[in-house]
């Protein structure tokens, strides 16, 4: 019970801090949301590049990340507009709640785009490892064939 009350008290204190710093928080979130929105075309290009190289199943964990990030950023924009309206009306409590929503949405969008980047890096690393292993196997097969051929040539009697 005490932990739950402590958590509620912490959340309440955070909202009070948001009320006090609403303008600065809103401006910072607006900037961060714009940066993330600017990263969306690169994320979509990454997905297109991956789709050309990997199967649909390999992309399943990250296939919707750019679209979901855009939706989260749209929600953040709505919340930031709500915060601006609330601040204009001197309703700092409503502004803080909207800022909290925007903050969560921007954080989720950031996480989605970071997961897409990590997934792309992991797939590319796995693809490079497969290529390297295939090259090694092909080299070993070729060496084996050459050794077998050399042994076969050496083992045949001359006439």
C-alpha atoms as a PDB file:
ATOM      1  CA  UNK A   1       0.000   0.000   0.000  1.00  0.00           C
ATOM      2  CA  UNK A   2       2.818   2.418   0.902  1.00  0.00           C
ATOM      3  CA  UNK A   3       4.601   1.758  -2.404  1.00  0.00           C
ATOM      4  CA  UNK A   4       1.430   2.493  -4.321  1.00  0.00           C
ATOM      5  CA  UNK A   5       0.948   5.753  -2.426  1.00  0.00           C
ATOM      6  CA  UNK A   6       4.590   6.661  -3.029  1.00  0.00           C
ATOM      7  CA  UNK A   7       4.153   6.031  -6.748  1.00  0.00           C
ATOM      8  CA  UNK A   8       1.033   8.186  -6.811  1.00  0.00           C
ATOM      9  CA  UNK A   9       2.820  10.939  -4.900  1.00  0.00           C
ATOM     10  CA  UNK A  10       5.724  10.794  -7.361  1.00  0.00           C
ATOM     11  CA  UNK A  11       3.346  11.052 -10.317  1.00  0.00           C
ATOM     12  CA  UNK A  12       1.562  13.972  -8.687  1.00  0.00           C
ATOM     13  CA  UNK A  13       4.869  15.765  -8.062  1.00  0.00           C
ATOM     14  CA  UNK A  14       5.897  15.216 -11.665  1.00  0.00           C
ATOM     15  CA  UNK A  15       2.620  16.759 -12.863  1.00  0.00           C
ATOM     16  CA  UNK A  16       3.180  19.755 -10.572  1.00  0.00           C
ATOM     17  CA  UNK A  17       6.663  20.201 -12.037  1.00  0.00           C
ATOM     18  CA  UNK A  18       5.156  19.981 -15.516  1.00  0.00           C
ATOM     19  CA  UNK A  19       2.680  22.702 -14.609  1.00  0.00           C
ATOM     20  CA  UNK A  20       5.481  24.949 -13.446  1.00  0.00           C
ATOM     21  CA  UNK A  21       7.616  24.323 -16.551  1.00  0.00           C
ATOM     22  CA  UNK A  22       4.866  23.800 -19.118  1.00  0.00           C
ATOM     23  CA  UNK A  23       6.123  26.304 -21.688  1.00  0.00           C
ATOM     24  CA  UNK A  24       9.689  24.985 -21.676  1.00  0.00           C
ATOM     25  CA  UNK A  25       8.588  21.353 -21.735  1.00  0.00           C
ATOM     26  CA  UNK A  26       6.181  22.023 -24.574  1.00  0.00           C
ATOM     27  CA  UNK A  27       8.869  23.787 -26.614  1.00  0.00           C
ATOM     28  CA  UNK A  28      11.350  20.958 -26.014  1.00  0.00           C
ATOM     29  CA  UNK A  29       8.824  18.308 -26.980  1.00  0.00           C
ATOM     30  CA  UNK A  30       7.874  20.235 -30.101  1.00  0.00           C
ATOM     31  CA  UNK A  31      11.523  20.308 -31.146  1.00  0.00           C
ATOM     32  CA  UNK A  32      12.053  16.622 -30.370  1.00  0.00           C
ATOM     33  CA  UNK A  33       8.884  15.612 -32.222  1.00  0.00           C
ATOM     34  CA  UNK A  34      10.019  17.593 -35.275  1.00  0.00           C
ATOM     35  CA  UNK A  35      13.423  15.854 -35.168  1.00  0.00           C
ATOM     36  CA  UNK A  36      11.777  12.449 -35.018  1.00  0.00           C
ATOM     37  CA  UNK A  37       9.362  13.359 -37.796  1.00  0.00           C
ATOM     38  CA  UNK A  38      12.389  14.362 -39.866  1.00  0.00           C
ATOM     39  CA  UNK A  39      13.820  10.874 -39.299  1.00  0.00           C
ATOM     40  CA  UNK A  40      10.728   9.122 -40.688  1.00  0.00           C
ATOM     41  CA  UNK A  41      11.750   9.219 -44.383  1.00  0.00           C
ATOM     42  CA  UNK A  42      15.081   7.580 -43.553  1.00  0.00           C
ATOM     43  CA  UNK A  43      13.269   4.945 -41.484  1.00  0.00           C
ATOM     44  CA  UNK A  44      10.918   4.206 -44.370  1.00  0.00           C
ATOM     45  CA  UNK A  45      13.884   4.000 -46.760  1.00  0.00           C
ATOM     46  CA  UNK A  46      15.579   1.573 -44.377  1.00  0.00           C
ATOM     47  CA  UNK A  47      12.491  -0.625 -44.358  1.00  0.00           C
ATOM     48  CA  UNK A  48      12.320  -0.545 -48.163  1.00  0.00           C
ATOM     49  CA  UNK A  49      16.009  -1.525 -48.388  1.00  0.00           C
ATOM     50  CA  UNK A  50      15.477  -4.367 -45.929  1.00  0.00           C
ATOM     51  CA  UNK A  51      12.367  -5.560 -47.793  1.00  0.00           C
ATOM     52  CA  UNK A  52      14.465  -5.920 -50.954  1.00  0.00           C
ATOM     53  CA  UNK A  53      16.991  -8.098 -49.142  1.00  0.00           C
ATOM     54  CA  UNK A  54      15.114 -10.068 -46.456  1.00  0.00           C
ATOM     55  CA  UNK A  55      11.933 -12.088 -46.183  1.00  0.00           C
ATOM     56  CA  UNK A  56       8.726 -10.657 -44.810  1.00  0.00           C
ATOM     57  CA  UNK A  57       9.062 -12.875 -41.752  1.00  0.00           C
ATOM     58  CA  UNK A  58      12.464 -11.418 -40.919  1.00  0.00           C
ATOM     59  CA  UNK A  59      10.976  -7.926 -40.977  1.00  0.00           C
ATOM     60  CA  UNK A  60       7.868  -8.710 -38.922  1.00  0.00           C
ATOM     61  CA  UNK A  61       9.225  -7.313 -35.624  1.00  0.00           C
ATOM     62  CA  UNK A  62       9.999  -3.906 -37.161  1.00  0.00           C
ATOM     63  CA  UNK A  63       7.824  -3.688 -40.273  1.00  0.00           C
ATOM     64  CA  UNK A  64       5.276  -1.315 -38.736  1.00  0.00           C
ATOM     65  CA  UNK A  65       7.639   0.796 -36.668  1.00  0.00           C
ATOM     66  CA  UNK A  66       7.809   3.815 -38.991  1.00  0.00           C
ATOM     67  CA  UNK A  67       4.024   3.910 -39.391  1.00  0.00           C
ATOM     68  CA  UNK A  68       3.487   3.519 -35.642  1.00  0.00           C
ATOM     69  CA  UNK A  69       6.083   6.200 -34.901  1.00  0.00           C
ATOM     70  CA  UNK A  70       4.279   8.593 -37.258  1.00  0.00           C
ATOM     71  CA  UNK A  71       0.976   7.871 -35.485  1.00  0.00           C
ATOM     72  CA  UNK A  72       2.584   8.534 -32.092  1.00  0.00           C
ATOM     73  CA  UNK A  73       4.013  11.805 -33.393  1.00  0.00           C
ATOM     74  CA  UNK A  74       0.583  12.810 -34.714  1.00  0.00           C
ATOM     75  CA  UNK A  75      -0.813  12.165 -31.243  1.00  0.00           C
ATOM     76  CA  UNK A  76       2.021  14.170 -29.679  1.00  0.00           C
ATOM     77  CA  UNK A  77       1.232  17.073 -32.009  1.00  0.00           C
ATOM     78  CA  UNK A  78      -2.424  16.951 -30.940  1.00  0.00           C
ATOM     79  CA  UNK A  79      -1.425  16.929 -27.286  1.00  0.00           C
ATOM     80  CA  UNK A  80       0.968  19.836 -27.780  1.00  0.00           C
ATOM     81  CA  UNK A  81      -1.794  21.843 -29.465  1.00  0.00           C
ATOM     82  CA  UNK A  82      -4.035  20.995 -26.499  1.00  0.00           C
ATOM     83  CA  UNK A  83      -1.292  22.147 -24.120  1.00  0.00           C
ATOM     84  CA  UNK A  84      -0.933  25.441 -26.003  1.00  0.00           C
ATOM     85  CA  UNK A  85      -4.681  26.010 -25.871  1.00  0.00           C
ATOM     86  CA  UNK A  86      -4.727  25.206 -22.157  1.00  0.00           C
ATOM     87  CA  UNK A  87      -1.808  27.544 -21.464  1.00  0.00           C
ATOM     88  CA  UNK A  88      -3.515  30.322 -23.388  1.00  0.00           C
ATOM     89  CA  UNK A  89      -6.545  29.782 -21.166  1.00  0.00           C
ATOM     90  CA  UNK A  90      -4.367  29.767 -18.023  1.00  0.00           C
ATOM     91  CA  UNK A  91      -5.260  26.118 -17.313  1.00  0.00           C
ATOM     92  CA  UNK A  92      -1.834  24.808 -16.327  1.00  0.00           C
ATOM     93  CA  UNK A  93      -3.267  21.546 -14.973  1.00  0.00           C
ATOM     94  CA  UNK A  94      -4.827  20.633 -18.316  1.00  0.00           C
ATOM     95  CA  UNK A  95      -1.636  21.752 -20.053  1.00  0.00           C
ATOM     96  CA  UNK A  96       0.455  19.463 -17.839  1.00  0.00           C
ATOM     97  CA  UNK A  97      -1.752  16.468 -18.625  1.00  0.00           C
ATOM     98  CA  UNK A  98      -1.478  17.169 -22.351  1.00  0.00           C
ATOM     99  CA  UNK A  99       2.293  17.589 -22.065  1.00  0.00           C
ATOM    100  CA  UNK A 100       2.526  14.270 -20.236  1.00  0.00           C
ATOM    101  CA  UNK A 101       0.631  12.625 -23.103  1.00  0.00           C
ATOM    102  CA  UNK A 102       2.905  14.281 -25.653  1.00  0.00           C
ATOM    103  CA  UNK A 103       5.986  13.260 -23.685  1.00  0.00           C
ATOM    104  CA  UNK A 104       4.886   9.626 -23.634  1.00  0.00           C
ATOM    105  CA  UNK A 105       4.029   9.645 -27.334  1.00  0.00           C
ATOM    106  CA  UNK A 106       7.369  11.219 -28.299  1.00  0.00           C
ATOM    107  CA  UNK A 107       9.182   8.662 -26.137  1.00  0.00           C
ATOM    108  CA  UNK A 108       7.313   5.815 -27.809  1.00  0.00           C
ATOM    109  CA  UNK A 109       8.055   7.193 -31.282  1.00  0.00           C
ATOM    110  CA  UNK A 110      11.730   7.481 -30.374  1.00  0.00           C
ATOM    111  CA  UNK A 111      11.770   3.895 -29.091  1.00  0.00           C
ATOM    112  CA  UNK A 112      10.067   2.609 -32.231  1.00  0.00           C
ATOM    113  CA  UNK A 113      12.582   4.310 -34.512  1.00  0.00           C
ATOM    114  CA  UNK A 114      15.512   3.143 -32.381  1.00  0.00           C
ATOM    115  CA  UNK A 115      14.174  -0.421 -32.500  1.00  0.00           C
ATOM    116  CA  UNK A 116      13.907  -0.173 -36.281  1.00  0.00           C
ATOM    117  CA  UNK A 117      17.531   0.992 -36.511  1.00  0.00           C
ATOM    118  CA  UNK A 118      18.674  -1.798 -34.193  1.00  0.00           C
ATOM    119  CA  UNK A 119      16.657  -4.382 -36.105  1.00  0.00           C
ATOM    120  CA  UNK A 120      18.157  -3.195 -39.383  1.00  0.00           C
ATOM    121  CA  UNK A 121      21.669  -3.367 -37.941  1.00  0.00           C
ATOM    122  CA  UNK A 122      21.013  -6.850 -36.552  1.00  0.00           C
ATOM    123  CA  UNK A 123      19.638  -8.098 -39.879  1.00  0.00           C
ATOM    124  CA  UNK A 124      22.547  -6.605 -41.795  1.00  0.00           C
ATOM    125  CA  UNK A 125      25.045  -8.163 -39.372  1.00  0.00           C
ATOM    126  CA  UNK A 126      23.318 -11.536 -39.655  1.00  0.00           C
ATOM    127  CA  UNK A 127      23.289 -11.238 -43.449  1.00  0.00           C
ATOM    128  CA  UNK A 128      26.993 -10.416 -43.489  1.00  0.00           C
ATOM    129  CA  UNK A 129      27.712 -13.412 -41.234  1.00  0.00           C
ATOM    130  CA  UNK A 130      25.739 -15.730 -43.514  1.00  0.00           C
ATOM    131  CA  UNK A 131      27.617 -14.422 -46.552  1.00  0.00           C
ATOM    132  CA  UNK A 132      30.959 -14.872 -44.770  1.00  0.00           C
ATOM    133  CA  UNK A 133      30.060 -18.412 -43.717  1.00  0.00           C
ATOM    134  CA  UNK A 134      28.918 -19.308 -47.228  1.00  0.00           C
ATOM    135  CA  UNK A 135      32.196 -17.983 -48.622  1.00  0.00           C
ATOM    136  CA  UNK A 136      34.132 -20.080 -46.100  1.00  0.00           C
ATOM    137  CA  UNK A 137      32.147 -23.228 -46.935  1.00  0.00           C
ATOM    138  CA  UNK A 138      32.584 -22.661 -50.668  1.00  0.00           C
ATOM    139  CA  UNK A 139      36.326 -22.177 -50.181  1.00  0.00           C
ATOM    140  CA  UNK A 140      36.543 -25.372 -48.135  1.00  0.00           C
ATOM    141  CA  UNK A 141      34.556 -27.326 -50.742  1.00  0.00           C
ATOM    142  CA  UNK A 142      36.811 -26.005 -53.497  1.00  0.00           C
ATOM    143  CA  UNK A 143      39.917 -26.918 -51.477  1.00  0.00           C
ATOM    144  CA  UNK A 144      38.485 -30.382 -50.841  1.00  0.00           C
ATOM    145  CA  UNK A 145      37.765 -30.898 -54.530  1.00  0.00           C
ATOM    146  CA  UNK A 146      41.248 -29.721 -55.430  1.00  0.00           C
ATOM    147  CA  UNK A 147      42.815 -32.053 -52.855  1.00  0.00           C
ATOM    148  CA  UNK A 148      40.694 -34.957 -54.037  1.00  0.00           C
ATOM    149  CA  UNK A 149      41.593 -34.258 -57.642  1.00  0.00           C
ATOM    150  CA  UNK A 150      45.280 -33.985 -56.791  1.00  0.00           C
ATOM    151  CA  UNK A 151      45.113 -37.241 -54.817  1.00  0.00           C
ATOM    152  CA  UNK A 152      43.244 -38.904 -57.634  1.00  0.00           C
ATOM    153  CA  UNK A 153      45.779 -37.739 -60.206  1.00  0.00           C
ATOM    154  CA  UNK A 154      48.684 -38.843 -58.022  1.00  0.00           C
ATOM    155  CA  UNK A 155      47.092 -42.211 -57.277  1.00  0.00           C
ATOM    156  CA  UNK A 156      46.514 -43.220 -60.888  1.00  0.00           C
ATOM    157  CA  UNK A 157      49.192 -45.376 -62.484  1.00  0.00           C
ATOM    158  CA  UNK A 158      51.013 -43.920 -65.469  1.00  0.00           C
ATOM    159  CA  UNK A 159      50.852 -45.848 -68.729  1.00  0.00           C
END
